[in-house]
Protein backbone atom coordinates (compact mmCIF):
# COMPACT_ATOMS: atom_id res chain seq x y z
CA UNK A 1 119.27 57.06 123.57
CA UNK A 2 118.92 56.79 119.83
CA UNK A 3 121.46 55.50 117.39
CA UNK A 4 121.44 56.97 113.91
CA UNK A 5 123.30 55.20 111.16
CA UNK A 6 124.10 57.29 108.10
CA UNK A 7 124.96 55.24 105.02
CA UNK A 8 128.02 56.31 103.08
CA UNK A 9 126.35 55.87 99.69
CA UNK A 10 124.88 58.89 97.95
CA UNK A 11 121.35 57.47 98.24
CA UNK A 12 120.91 59.59 101.39
CA UNK A 13 118.66 57.13 103.17
CA UNK A 14 118.70 57.52 106.93
CA UNK A 15 117.92 54.72 109.38
CA UNK A 16 116.99 55.64 112.95
CA UNK A 17 116.68 53.01 115.62
CA UNK A 18 115.22 53.46 119.11
CA UNK A 19 117.63 51.70 121.49
CA UNK A 20 115.65 52.52 124.64
CA UNK A 21 111.99 52.41 125.51
CA UNK A 22 111.48 56.18 125.47
CA UNK A 23 108.19 57.93 124.87
CA UNK A 24 108.71 60.55 122.17
CA UNK A 25 107.10 63.95 122.38
CA UNK A 26 105.64 65.28 119.17
CA UNK A 27 106.89 68.31 117.34
CA UNK A 28 110.46 67.38 116.44
CA UNK A 29 111.60 66.61 112.91
CA UNK A 30 115.02 66.21 111.32
CA UNK A 31 115.61 66.42 107.57
CA UNK A 32 119.07 65.70 106.20
CA UNK A 33 119.93 66.20 102.54
CA UNK A 34 122.86 64.04 101.39
CA UNK A 35 124.73 64.68 104.67
CA UNK A 36 125.45 68.28 103.59
CA UNK A 37 122.36 70.33 104.52
CA UNK A 38 119.69 69.89 107.11
CA UNK A 39 116.71 71.40 108.83
CA UNK A 40 115.27 70.75 112.26
CA UNK A 41 112.02 71.60 114.01
CA UNK A 42 111.27 71.40 117.71
CA UNK A 43 114.56 72.99 118.77
CA UNK A 44 114.27 74.69 122.14
CA UNK A 45 117.83 75.96 122.59
CA UNK A 46 121.25 76.06 120.93
CA UNK A 47 123.71 75.07 123.68
CA UNK A 48 126.88 75.42 121.60
CA UNK A 49 127.97 75.65 118.00
CA UNK A 50 131.37 75.25 116.35
CA UNK A 51 132.63 73.99 113.00
CA UNK A 52 132.80 70.37 114.24
CA UNK A 53 129.61 70.08 116.32
CA UNK A 54 126.17 71.50 117.07
CA UNK A 55 124.83 70.84 120.57
CA UNK A 56 121.08 71.44 120.74
CA UNK A 57 118.13 70.85 123.04
CA UNK A 58 115.06 69.55 121.22
CA UNK A 59 111.60 68.55 122.40
CA UNK A 60 112.89 64.93 122.32
CA UNK A 61 115.99 65.57 124.46
CA UNK A 62 119.57 66.61 123.83
CA UNK A 63 120.83 66.40 120.26
CA UNK A 64 124.46 66.38 119.17
CA UNK A 65 125.41 66.73 115.49
CA UNK A 66 129.07 66.05 114.74
CA UNK A 67 130.87 66.65 111.45
CA UNK A 68 132.96 69.12 109.50
CA UNK A 69 132.36 72.75 108.56
CA UNK A 70 129.01 72.79 110.40
CA UNK A 71 127.35 76.18 110.34
CA UNK A 72 123.93 77.39 111.48
CA UNK A 73 122.28 79.21 108.61
CA UNK A 74 119.10 80.24 110.40
CA UNK A 75 117.66 79.70 113.89
CA UNK A 76 114.22 80.90 114.87
CA UNK A 77 113.70 80.47 118.62
CA UNK A 78 110.03 81.46 118.49
CA UNK A 79 108.96 78.53 116.28
CA UNK A 80 111.92 76.22 117.02
CA UNK A 81 113.28 75.84 113.50
CA UNK A 82 116.97 75.57 112.65
CA UNK A 83 118.69 75.25 109.27
CA UNK A 84 122.33 74.20 109.01
CA UNK A 85 124.94 73.15 106.47
CA UNK A 86 128.18 71.17 106.57
CA UNK A 87 129.18 67.51 106.36
CA UNK A 88 127.41 65.44 109.05
CA UNK A 89 129.27 62.40 110.43
CA UNK A 90 127.00 61.48 113.34
CA UNK A 91 123.76 62.39 115.06
CA UNK A 92 123.24 61.44 118.68
CA UNK A 93 120.12 61.86 120.81
CA UNK A 94 120.16 61.52 124.58
CA UNK A 95 117.58 62.14 127.26
CA UNK A 96 117.80 65.07 129.61
CA UNK A 97 120.01 64.44 132.62
CA UNK A 98 118.45 64.21 136.05
CA UNK A 99 119.43 66.82 138.62
CA UNK A 100 122.58 65.97 140.59
CA UNK A 101 120.81 65.53 143.94
CA UNK A 102 118.30 63.15 142.42
CA UNK A 103 121.12 61.03 140.98
CA UNK A 104 123.01 60.99 144.29
CA UNK A 105 120.01 60.07 146.47
CA UNK A 106 118.25 57.36 144.49
């Protein structure tokens, strides 16, 4: 799991910290412009989208963007790019869940 801390100042610096020892796959990039616009690469699927959250599957695992007035501007499934706008409050990465049977019978 990754924890992303977004400063409240207008400097728009983003600090990402790896909280688990996870090997990252290449091909995923997140650009956020002053918490109001963003672009992503390496997006495999849009799971759900509403004005308060975007739930995506990227090459690095599940990705949840939470905020206000979030809207997908453009999604290209063939090259995995996604552009969005809205005020972002949090970004959360998590690994893909194991199948239920595998979790039950460890």
